[in-house]
C-alpha atoms as a PDB file:
ATOM      1  CA  MET A   1      -2.513 -46.047  65.610  1.00  0.00           C
ATOM      2  CA  LYS A   2      -0.920 -45.799  62.178  1.00  0.00           C
ATOM      3  CA  VAL A   3      -2.366 -43.390  59.602  1.00  0.00           C
ATOM      4  CA  SER A   4      -3.016 -46.203  57.159  1.00  0.00           C
ATOM      5  CA  GLU A   5      -4.969 -48.103  59.794  1.00  0.00           C
ATOM      6  CA  LYS A   6      -6.939 -44.967  60.591  1.00  0.00           C
ATOM      7  CA  PHE A   7      -8.028 -44.597  56.925  1.00  0.00           C
ATOM      8  CA  LYS A   8      -8.652 -48.341  56.804  1.00  0.00           C
ATOM      9  CA  ASN A   9     -11.209 -48.128  59.545  1.00  0.00           C
ATOM     10  CA  MET A  10     -13.018 -45.135  58.003  1.00  0.00           C
ATOM     11  CA  PRO A  11     -16.186 -45.654  55.950  1.00  0.00           C
ATOM     12  CA  THR A  12     -15.564 -45.852  52.205  1.00  0.00           C
ATOM     13  CA  ILE A  13     -17.577 -42.726  51.443  1.00  0.00           C
ATOM     14  CA  TRP A  14     -15.417 -40.613  53.700  1.00  0.00           C
ATOM     15  CA  VAL A  15     -12.266 -41.962  52.110  1.00  0.00           C
ATOM     16  CA  VAL A  16     -13.577 -40.958  48.684  1.00  0.00           C
ATOM     17  CA  ILE A  17     -14.555 -37.497  49.902  1.00  0.00           C
ATOM     18  CA  LEU A  18     -11.195 -36.965  51.537  1.00  0.00           C
ATOM     19  CA  ALA A  19      -9.324 -38.111  48.444  1.00  0.00           C
ATOM     20  CA  PHE A  20     -11.404 -35.811  46.277  1.00  0.00           C
ATOM     21  CA  GLY A  21     -10.642 -32.939  48.619  1.00  0.00           C
ATOM     22  CA  PHE A  22      -6.914 -33.540  48.353  1.00  0.00           C
ATOM     23  CA  ALA A  23      -7.147 -33.696  44.537  1.00  0.00           C
ATOM     24  CA  LEU A  24      -9.225 -30.526  44.402  1.00  0.00           C
ATOM     25  CA  ALA A  25      -6.792 -28.677  46.629  1.00  0.00           C
ATOM     26  CA  GLY A  26      -3.942 -29.805  44.423  1.00  0.00           C
ATOM     27  CA  PHE A  27      -5.791 -28.579  41.346  1.00  0.00           C
ATOM     28  CA  PHE A  28      -6.387 -25.130  42.781  1.00  0.00           C
ATOM     29  CA  ILE A  29      -2.793 -24.818  43.919  1.00  0.00           C
ATOM     30  CA  GLY A  30      -1.490 -25.918  40.511  1.00  0.00           C
ATOM     31  CA  ASN A  31      -3.956 -23.730  38.673  1.00  0.00           C
ATOM     32  CA  GLY A  32      -3.002 -20.778  40.846  1.00  0.00           C
ATOM     33  CA  VAL A  33       0.662 -21.308  40.026  1.00  0.00           C
ATOM     34  CA  TYR A  34      -0.185 -21.575  36.316  1.00  0.00           C
ATOM     35  CA  LYS A  35      -2.208 -18.357  36.358  1.00  0.00           C
ATOM     36  CA  SER A  36       0.578 -16.627  38.206  1.00  0.00           C
ATOM     37  CA  LEU A  37       3.029 -17.662  35.535  1.00  0.00           C
ATOM     38  CA  ALA A  38       0.557 -16.843  32.761  1.00  0.00           C
ATOM     39  CA  ARG A  39       0.454 -13.251  33.921  1.00  0.00           C
ATOM     40  CA  ARG A  40       4.082 -12.914  32.873  1.00  0.00           C
ATOM     41  CA  THR A  41       4.040 -11.892  29.237  1.00  0.00           C
ATOM     42  CA  VAL A  42       6.182 -10.079  26.724  1.00  0.00           C
ATOM     43  CA  THR A  43       4.971  -8.137  23.680  1.00  0.00           C
ATOM     44  CA  VAL A  44       7.305  -7.924  20.704  1.00  0.00           C
ATOM     45  CA  LYS A  45       7.137  -6.704  17.127  1.00  0.00           C
ATOM     46  CA  GLY A  46       8.432  -8.395  14.003  1.00  0.00           C
ATOM     47  CA  LEU A  47       9.234  -6.457  10.839  1.00  0.00           C
ATOM     48  CA  ALA A  48       9.254  -7.801   7.291  1.00  0.00           C
ATOM     49  CA  GLU A  49      10.287  -5.772   4.233  1.00  0.00           C
ATOM     50  CA  MET A  50      10.485  -6.698   0.577  1.00  0.00           C
ATOM     51  CA  ASP A  51      11.624  -4.711  -2.448  1.00  0.00           C
ATOM     52  CA  VAL A  52       9.318  -5.038  -5.444  1.00  0.00           C
ATOM     53  CA  VAL A  53       9.028  -3.564  -8.923  1.00  0.00           C
ATOM     54  CA  ALA A  54       5.871  -1.941 -10.309  1.00  0.00           C
ATOM     55  CA  ASP A  55       4.095  -4.002 -12.957  1.00  0.00           C
ATOM     56  CA  THR A  56       1.736  -1.369 -14.398  1.00  0.00           C
ATOM     57  CA  ALA A  57       2.228   2.225 -15.520  1.00  0.00           C
ATOM     58  CA  VAL A  58      -0.491   4.826 -16.110  1.00  0.00           C
ATOM     59  CA  TRP A  59       0.533   8.015 -17.855  1.00  0.00           C
ATOM     60  CA  SER A  60      -1.847  10.847 -18.780  1.00  0.00           C
ATOM     61  CA  ILE A  61      -0.462  13.289 -21.337  1.00  0.00           C
ATOM     62  CA  LYS A  62      -2.718  16.364 -21.252  1.00  0.00           C
ATOM     63  CA  PHE A  63      -2.709  19.330 -23.596  1.00  0.00           C
ATOM     64  CA  ASN A  64      -4.921  22.239 -24.539  1.00  0.00           C
ATOM     65  CA  ARG A  65      -5.620  24.750 -27.270  1.00  0.00           C
ATOM     66  CA  VAL A  66      -7.128  28.235 -27.038  1.00  0.00           C
ATOM     67  CA  GLY A  67      -8.734  30.512 -29.613  1.00  0.00           C
ATOM     68  CA  SER A  68     -11.787  32.540 -30.576  1.00  0.00           C
ATOM     69  CA  ASP A  69     -13.054  30.131 -33.279  1.00  0.00           C
ATOM     70  CA  LEU A  70     -14.276  26.958 -31.582  1.00  0.00           C
ATOM     71  CA  ALA A  71     -14.125  24.825 -34.737  1.00  0.00           C
ATOM     72  CA  ARG A  72     -10.531  25.816 -35.431  1.00  0.00           C
ATOM     73  CA  VAL A  73      -9.545  25.155 -31.852  1.00  0.00           C
ATOM     74  CA  GLN A  74     -11.058  21.680 -32.118  1.00  0.00           C
ATOM     75  CA  SER A  75      -9.195  21.031 -35.377  1.00  0.00           C
ATOM     76  CA  ALA A  76      -5.948  21.985 -33.672  1.00  0.00           C
ATOM     77  CA  ILE A  77      -6.749  19.615 -30.803  1.00  0.00           C
ATOM     78  CA  ASP A  78      -7.421  16.777 -33.276  1.00  0.00           C
ATOM     79  CA  GLU A  79      -4.012  17.421 -34.818  1.00  0.00           C
ATOM     80  CA  ASP A  80      -2.387  17.318 -31.357  1.00  0.00           C
ATOM     81  CA  ILE A  81      -4.049  13.975 -30.621  1.00  0.00           C
ATOM     82  CA  ASN A  82      -2.723  12.512 -33.880  1.00  0.00           C
ATOM     83  CA  LYS A  83       0.781  13.826 -33.168  1.00  0.00           C
ATOM     84  CA  THR A  84       0.693  12.354 -29.671  1.00  0.00           C
ATOM     85  CA  HIS A  85      -0.458   8.949 -30.909  1.00  0.00           C
ATOM     86  CA  LYS A  86       2.296   8.899 -33.518  1.00  0.00           C
ATOM     87  CA  PHE A  87       4.894  10.003 -30.968  1.00  0.00           C
ATOM     88  CA  LEU A  88       3.900   7.155 -28.669  1.00  0.00           C
ATOM     89  CA  THR A  89       3.641   4.415 -31.283  1.00  0.00           C
ATOM     90  CA  ASP A  90       6.941   5.498 -32.862  1.00  0.00           C
ATOM     91  CA  ASN A  91       8.496   4.972 -29.429  1.00  0.00           C
ATOM     92  CA  GLY A  92       7.201   1.430 -29.058  1.00  0.00           C
ATOM     93  CA  PHE A  93       3.682   1.581 -27.621  1.00  0.00           C
ATOM     94  CA  LYS A  94       0.790  -0.396 -29.057  1.00  0.00           C
ATOM     95  CA  ASP A  95      -2.473   1.225 -30.099  1.00  0.00           C
ATOM     96  CA  SER A  96      -4.249  -0.976 -27.511  1.00  0.00           C
ATOM     97  CA  GLU A  97      -2.228   0.730 -24.788  1.00  0.00           C
ATOM     98  CA  LEU A  98      -3.475   4.207 -25.754  1.00  0.00           C
ATOM     99  CA  GLN A  99      -6.783   5.851 -24.938  1.00  0.00           C
ATOM    100  CA  ASN A 100      -8.034   9.351 -25.681  1.00  0.00           C
ATOM    101  CA  LEU A 101      -9.182  11.354 -22.683  1.00  0.00           C
ATOM    102  CA  ARG A 102     -12.488  13.211 -22.607  1.00  0.00           C
ATOM    103  CA  VAL A 103     -12.650  16.606 -24.293  1.00  0.00           C
ATOM    104  CA  GLN A 104     -13.465  19.554 -22.054  1.00  0.00           C
ATOM    105  CA  VAL A 105     -14.489  22.903 -23.490  1.00  0.00           C
ATOM    106  CA  ARG A 106     -14.350  26.074 -21.456  1.00  0.00           C
ATOM    107  CA  ASP A 107     -15.837  29.396 -22.546  1.00  0.00           C
ATOM    108  CA  LYS A 108     -14.040  32.122 -20.640  1.00  0.00           C
ATOM    109  CA  PHE A 109     -16.921  34.507 -21.368  1.00  0.00           C
ATOM    110  CA  ALA A 110     -19.668  32.181 -20.161  1.00  0.00           C
ATOM    111  CA  GLY A 111     -22.130  34.161 -18.043  1.00  0.00           C
ATOM    112  CA  TYR A 112     -20.905  37.510 -19.379  1.00  0.00           C
ATOM    113  CA  SER A 113     -23.401  40.002 -20.774  1.00  0.00           C
ATOM    114  CA  ASP A 114     -22.984  41.327 -24.335  1.00  0.00           C
ATOM    115  CA  ALA A 115     -21.698  44.591 -22.939  1.00  0.00           C
ATOM    116  CA  GLN A 116     -19.112  42.802 -20.815  1.00  0.00           C
ATOM    117  CA  ARG A 117     -17.966  40.745 -23.764  1.00  0.00           C
ATOM    118  CA  LYS A 118     -17.353  43.877 -25.805  1.00  0.00           C
ATOM    119  CA  ASP A 119     -15.025  45.117 -23.095  1.00  0.00           C
ATOM    120  CA  GLU A 120     -12.966  41.905 -23.299  1.00  0.00           C
ATOM    121  CA  GLU A 121     -10.561  40.836 -25.992  1.00  0.00           C
ATOM    122  CA  ALA A 122     -12.215  38.393 -28.355  1.00  0.00           C
ATOM    123  CA  ASN A 123      -9.027  36.330 -28.749  1.00  0.00           C
ATOM    124  CA  ASP A 124      -8.604  33.125 -26.778  1.00  0.00           C
ATOM    125  CA  ARG A 125     -12.220  32.929 -25.741  1.00  0.00           C
ATOM    126  CA  TYR A 126     -12.420  29.139 -25.922  1.00  0.00           C
ATOM    127  CA  VAL A 127     -10.162  26.646 -24.181  1.00  0.00           C
ATOM    128  CA  ILE A 128     -10.279  22.981 -25.176  1.00  0.00           C
ATOM    129  CA  GLU A 129      -8.491  20.494 -22.942  1.00  0.00           C
ATOM    130  CA  THR A 130      -7.951  16.796 -23.584  1.00  0.00           C
ATOM    131  CA  GLY A 131      -5.131  14.301 -23.790  1.00  0.00           C
ATOM    132  CA  VAL A 132      -4.012  10.728 -24.316  1.00  0.00           C
ATOM    133  CA  MET A 133      -3.661   8.152 -21.559  1.00  0.00           C
ATOM    134  CA  VAL A 134      -1.101   5.361 -21.695  1.00  0.00           C
ATOM    135  CA  ARG A 135      -1.725   2.210 -19.671  1.00  0.00           C
ATOM    136  CA  SER A 136       1.012  -0.348 -20.082  1.00  0.00           C
ATOM    137  CA  ASN A 137       2.830  -3.180 -18.326  1.00  0.00           C
ATOM    138  CA  SER A 138       6.063  -1.994 -19.957  1.00  0.00           C
ATOM    139  CA  VAL A 139       6.990   0.244 -17.058  1.00  0.00           C
ATOM    140  CA  GLU A 140      10.575   0.763 -18.170  1.00  0.00           C
ATOM    141  CA  LEU A 141       9.401   1.912 -21.598  1.00  0.00           C
ATOM    142  CA  VAL A 142       6.953   4.366 -20.036  1.00  0.00           C
ATOM    143  CA  ASP A 143       9.701   5.745 -17.830  1.00  0.00           C
ATOM    144  CA  ALA A 144      12.081   6.186 -20.779  1.00  0.00           C
ATOM    145  CA  VAL A 145       9.563   7.811 -23.136  1.00  0.00           C
ATOM    146  CA  SER A 146       8.207  10.132 -20.447  1.00  0.00           C
ATOM    147  CA  ARG A 147      11.649  11.736 -20.349  1.00  0.00           C
ATOM    148  CA  LYS A 148      11.415  12.581 -24.042  1.00  0.00           C
ATOM    149  CA  MET A 149       8.397  14.868 -23.891  1.00  0.00           C
ATOM    150  CA  GLY A 150      10.456  17.703 -25.332  1.00  0.00           C
ATOM    151  CA  ASP A 151      10.206  15.942 -28.713  1.00  0.00           C
ATOM    152  CA  LEU A 152       6.419  16.278 -28.590  1.00  0.00           C
ATOM    153  CA  VAL A 153       6.532  19.883 -27.442  1.00  0.00           C
ATOM    154  CA  ARG A 154       8.813  20.729 -30.357  1.00  0.00           C
ATOM    155  CA  GLN A 155       6.014  19.546 -32.656  1.00  0.00           C
ATOM    156  CA  GLY A 156       3.783  22.303 -31.281  1.00  0.00           C
ATOM    157  CA  VAL A 157       1.788  20.291 -28.737  1.00  0.00           C
ATOM    158  CA  THR A 158       1.104  22.363 -25.629  1.00  0.00           C
ATOM    159  CA  VAL A 159       1.608  19.734 -22.941  1.00  0.00           C
ATOM    160  CA  THR A 160       0.074  20.630 -19.567  1.00  0.00           C
ATOM    161  CA  GLU A 161      -0.116  19.001 -16.129  1.00  0.00           C
ATOM    162  CA  ASP A 162       2.690  16.573 -16.916  1.00  0.00           C
ATOM    163  CA  TYR A 163       4.982  17.691 -14.113  1.00  0.00           C
ATOM    164  CA  ALA A 164       4.092  14.638 -12.012  1.00  0.00           C
ATOM    165  CA  GLY A 165       4.807  12.207 -14.831  1.00  0.00           C
ATOM    166  CA  PRO A 166       3.499   8.629 -14.940  1.00  0.00           C
ATOM    167  CA  ILE A 167       2.290   6.705 -11.918  1.00  0.00           C
ATOM    168  CA  TYR A 168       3.547   3.180 -11.272  1.00  0.00           C
ATOM    169  CA  ILE A 169       1.415   0.480  -9.649  1.00  0.00           C
ATOM    170  CA  PHE A 170       2.340  -2.797  -7.975  1.00  0.00           C
ATOM    171  CA  ASN A 171      -0.467  -5.371  -8.237  1.00  0.00           C
ATOM    172  CA  GLY A 172       1.265  -8.395  -6.717  1.00  0.00           C
ATOM    173  CA  LEU A 173       0.669  -7.740  -3.025  1.00  0.00           C
ATOM    174  CA  ASN A 174      -1.528 -10.813  -2.538  1.00  0.00           C
ATOM    175  CA  ASP A 175       1.245 -13.029  -3.921  1.00  0.00           C
ATOM    176  CA  ILE A 176       3.746 -11.991  -1.234  1.00  0.00           C
ATOM    177  CA  LYS A 177       1.510 -11.446   1.803  1.00  0.00           C
ATOM    178  CA  ILE A 178       1.828 -14.952   3.298  1.00  0.00           C
ATOM    179  CA  LYS A 179       5.598 -15.069   2.924  1.00  0.00           C
ATOM    180  CA  MET A 180       5.971 -11.629   4.507  1.00  0.00           C
ATOM    181  CA  ILE A 181       3.703 -12.500   7.446  1.00  0.00           C
ATOM    182  CA  GLU A 182       5.767 -15.650   8.060  1.00  0.00           C
ATOM    183  CA  THR A 183       8.949 -13.597   8.052  1.00  0.00           C
ATOM    184  CA  ALA A 184       7.494 -10.981  10.396  1.00  0.00           C
ATOM    185  CA  THR A 185       6.281 -13.711  12.778  1.00  0.00           C
ATOM    186  CA  LYS A 186       9.706 -15.389  12.820  1.00  0.00           C
ATOM    187  CA  ASN A 187      11.371 -12.067  13.566  1.00  0.00           C
ATOM    188  CA  ALA A 188       8.916 -11.381  16.384  1.00  0.00           C
ATOM    189  CA  THR A 189       9.523 -14.850  17.839  1.00  0.00           C
ATOM    190  CA  ALA A 190      13.282 -14.328  17.704  1.00  0.00           C
ATOM    191  CA  ALA A 191      12.901 -11.033  19.560  1.00  0.00           C
ATOM    192  CA  GLY A 192      10.706 -12.718  22.175  1.00  0.00           C
ATOM    193  CA  GLU A 193      13.207 -15.541  22.690  1.00  0.00           C
ATOM    194  CA  GLN A 194      16.015 -13.059  23.185  1.00  0.00           C
ATOM    195  CA  PHE A 195      13.959 -11.136  25.737  1.00  0.00           C
ATOM    196  CA  ALA A 196      13.078 -14.338  27.605  1.00  0.00           C
ATOM    197  CA  LYS A 197      16.734 -15.354  27.666  1.00  0.00           C
ATOM    198  CA  ASP A 198      17.752 -11.991  29.082  1.00  0.00           C
ATOM    199  CA  ALA A 199      15.018 -12.323  31.725  1.00  0.00           C
ATOM    200  CA  ASN A 200      16.075 -15.880  32.708  1.00  0.00           C
ATOM    201  CA  ALA A 201      12.780 -17.250  31.461  1.00  0.00           C
ATOM    202  CA  LYS A 202      11.493 -19.326  28.583  1.00  0.00           C
ATOM    203  CA  LEU A 203       9.153 -18.269  25.818  1.00  0.00           C
ATOM    204  CA  GLY A 204       5.716 -19.818  26.104  1.00  0.00           C
ATOM    205  CA  LYS A 205       2.647 -19.951  23.908  1.00  0.00           C
ATOM    206  CA  ILE A 206       1.157 -16.994  22.090  1.00  0.00           C
ATOM    207  CA  GLN A 207      -1.380 -15.019  24.082  1.00  0.00           C
ATOM    208  CA  SER A 208      -2.407 -12.723  21.228  1.00  0.00           C
ATOM    209  CA  ALA A 209      -1.176 -11.642  17.821  1.00  0.00           C
ATOM    210  CA  ASN A 210      -1.930  -8.694  15.592  1.00  0.00           C
ATOM    211  CA  GLN A 211      -0.981  -8.318  11.950  1.00  0.00           C
ATOM    212  CA  GLY A 212      -0.336  -4.712  11.000  1.00  0.00           C
ATOM    213  CA  LEU A 213      -1.362  -3.095   7.741  1.00  0.00           C
ATOM    214  CA  PHE A 214       0.802  -3.566   4.668  1.00  0.00           C
ATOM    215  CA  SER A 215       2.361  -0.328   3.470  1.00  0.00           C
ATOM    216  CA  ILE A 216       4.034   0.439   0.150  1.00  0.00           C
ATOM    217  CA  SER A 217       6.558   3.247  -0.167  1.00  0.00           C
ATOM    218  CA  ALA A 218       9.168   4.380  -2.653  1.00  0.00           C
ATOM    219  CA  ARG A 219      12.372   2.387  -2.264  1.00  0.00           C
ATOM    220  CA  ASP A 220      14.379   5.473  -3.153  1.00  0.00           C
ATOM    221  CA  GLN A 221      13.566   9.142  -2.830  1.00  0.00           C
ATOM    222  CA  VAL A 222      12.040  10.178  -6.140  1.00  0.00           C
ATOM    223  CA  ASP A 223      13.086  13.813  -6.016  1.00  0.00           C
ATOM    224  CA  ALA A 224      14.294  16.498  -3.661  1.00  0.00           C
ATOM    225  CA  TRP A 225      10.833  17.438  -2.365  1.00  0.00           C
ATOM    226  CA  SER A 226       8.783  14.262  -2.481  1.00  0.00           C
ATOM    227  CA  ASP A 227       8.897  10.521  -1.859  1.00  0.00           C
ATOM    228  CA  ASN A 228       5.581   9.845  -3.606  1.00  0.00           C
ATOM    229  CA  GLU A 229       5.302   6.074  -3.921  1.00  0.00           C
ATOM    230  CA  LYS A 230       3.184   6.370  -7.071  1.00  0.00           C
ATOM    231  CA  GLN A 231       6.060   7.973  -8.949  1.00  0.00           C
ATOM    232  CA  ALA A 232       8.514   5.201  -8.098  1.00  0.00           C
ATOM    233  CA  ILE A 233       9.039   2.061 -10.156  1.00  0.00           C
ATOM    234  CA  ASN A 234      11.041   0.436  -7.366  1.00  0.00           C
ATOM    235  CA  LYS A 235       8.965   0.119  -4.213  1.00  0.00           C
ATOM    236  CA  ARG A 236       9.298  -1.287  -0.704  1.00  0.00           C
ATOM    237  CA  VAL A 237       6.512  -3.302   0.932  1.00  0.00           C
ATOM    238  CA  ARG A 238       6.475  -3.343   4.739  1.00  0.00           C
ATOM    239  CA  VAL A 239       4.438  -5.070   7.436  1.00  0.00           C
ATOM    240  CA  VAL A 240       4.829  -5.234  11.234  1.00  0.00           C
ATOM    241  CA  THR A 241       3.379  -8.086  13.300  1.00  0.00           C
ATOM    242  CA  THR A 242       2.785  -7.610  17.044  1.00  0.00           C
ATOM    243  CA  ILE A 243       2.755 -10.765  19.208  1.00  0.00           C
ATOM    244  CA  THR A 244       2.295 -11.230  22.966  1.00  0.00           C
ATOM    245  CA  PHE A 245       3.922 -14.388  24.372  1.00  0.00           C
ATOM    246  CA  TYR A 246       3.555 -16.015  27.771  1.00  0.00           C
ATOM    247  CA  LEU A 247       6.771 -16.360  29.743  1.00  0.00           C
ATOM    248  CA  ARG A 248       7.418 -19.519  31.763  1.00  0.00           C
END
């Protein structure tokens, strides 16, 4: 008897059940092959870098005065503040870009008894510290004027804590994030395609993806002992994207 005749003589319900069984077996076989292939993956990284320029500078010029007469010390500090403001405005800064820092007074004999004070020199008992902060979008001007601090010192202003100089800030990270992520993803995809080619396979869909943190560093080494990003006008933004692809 032919196979077709055999099925022909079977009840309809059994034909349906048998057909469903064949389809189900085919599904499991196909699904098993798919899962087997899906287990083949490759994880690659894509790097994106962009050079940027700081758009804001913050520069704190600090100075102090010492003496035994508190009022005179304060008068000297007031004179230093005026000299500093004039120095900055003469070099191109606006008054709106300048702000006086808080005044701090330190009594070197605070907590001493009268007897202890008599044993100490009365000179330079009080120390007053303050300064002027510059906040400006003219980063190149800040950089240029910060290299002329000798002019202010020659006027008798005792500049302190200025060894680090201004700090430079880049505020445009949100404007470049999407473009950099796209670039990093393209680079990761290119690396995955090359790997698949070398492995005689084809790159499939993405299994998982992870965007790394954005980092900002100095584009160039600032000095011989530090690469502090805050001291650099020219900066480099970097992000690494990690992607896992299926191979087929």
